[in-house]
Amino acid sequence: MSVEPKSILGGESVYCINEAQLKESRRLVDQDPISAPKLKEILESVESCCTRNERAALAFTLIERLRNSDR
């Protein structure tokens, strides 16, 4: 019997991302001459092979690792 994965796309907020952070993130992905090509390639790869729930898991994991890393 297959069990459907629990969705992690909504719910109570744990972390806050401010508009300036989001705007700079979009700039890096869309316009930065060095970062944009690399980030777009990674995004296309992840979006083509992962479900929406898996992409959310990856995003949350990246945020948590950034919070806990020294660099």
Protein backbone atom coordinates (compact mmCIF):
# COMPACT_ATOMS: atom_id res chain seq x y z
CA MET A 1 0.00 0.00 0.00
CA SER A 2 1.43 3.38 -1.06
CA VAL A 3 1.34 6.29 1.37
CA GLU A 4 0.98 9.80 -0.03
CA PRO A 5 3.76 12.14 1.15
CA LYS A 6 2.71 14.86 3.54
CA SER A 7 2.67 18.29 1.86
CA ILE A 8 5.12 20.79 3.34
CA LEU A 9 4.03 23.73 1.17
CA GLY A 10 1.90 25.60 3.68
CA GLY A 11 1.30 26.10 7.34
CA GLU A 12 2.54 28.31 10.11
CA SER A 13 5.47 30.62 9.40
CA VAL A 14 8.75 29.77 11.07
CA TYR A 15 11.11 32.11 9.23
CA CYS A 16 10.55 35.46 7.60
CA ILE A 17 12.08 36.47 4.27
CA ASN A 18 11.95 40.20 3.77
CA GLU A 19 11.29 41.93 0.45
CA ALA A 20 14.88 43.18 0.11
CA GLN A 21 16.21 39.62 0.40
CA LEU A 22 13.72 38.39 -2.16
CA LYS A 23 14.49 41.25 -4.54
CA GLU A 24 18.25 40.59 -4.32
CA SER A 25 17.66 36.88 -4.84
CA ARG A 26 15.68 37.57 -8.00
CA ARG A 27 18.43 39.91 -9.22
CA LEU A 28 21.08 37.25 -8.71
CA VAL A 29 19.00 34.67 -10.57
CA ASP A 30 17.80 36.94 -13.38
CA GLN A 31 20.50 39.57 -13.95
CA ASP A 32 23.84 38.86 -12.31
CA PRO A 33 26.35 38.03 -15.06
CA ILE A 34 28.18 35.40 -12.99
CA SER A 35 25.48 33.95 -10.73
CA ALA A 36 22.48 34.00 -13.07
CA PRO A 37 23.64 31.35 -15.56
CA LYS A 38 24.72 28.98 -12.79
CA LEU A 39 21.57 29.48 -10.71
CA LYS A 40 19.26 29.17 -13.72
CA GLU A 41 20.87 25.86 -14.67
CA ILE A 42 20.44 24.53 -11.13
CA LEU A 43 16.83 25.72 -10.98
CA GLU A 44 15.95 24.14 -14.32
CA SER A 45 17.48 20.85 -13.21
CA VAL A 46 15.69 20.80 -9.86
CA GLU A 47 12.37 21.88 -11.35
CA SER A 48 12.53 19.20 -14.04
CA CYS A 49 13.31 16.27 -11.73
CA CYS A 50 11.64 17.12 -8.42
CA THR A 51 8.03 17.36 -7.37
CA ARG A 52 6.71 20.57 -5.88
CA ASN A 53 6.91 19.04 -2.40
CA GLU A 54 10.51 17.92 -3.00
CA ARG A 55 11.44 21.43 -4.18
CA ALA A 56 9.90 22.85 -1.01
CA ALA A 57 11.91 20.35 1.08
CA LEU A 58 15.09 21.41 -0.72
CA ALA A 59 14.32 25.12 -0.23
CA PHE A 60 13.65 24.71 3.48
CA THR A 61 16.73 22.56 3.92
CA LEU A 62 18.91 25.15 2.17
CA ILE A 63 17.52 27.93 4.36
CA GLU A 64 18.11 25.88 7.52
CA ARG A 65 21.67 25.03 6.48
CA LEU A 66 22.36 28.69 5.74
CA ARG A 67 21.06 29.66 9.17
CA ASN A 68 23.39 27.13 10.81
CA SER A 69 26.53 27.68 8.75
CA ASP A 70 29.38 30.04 9.52
CA ARG A 71 29.99 30.98 5.91
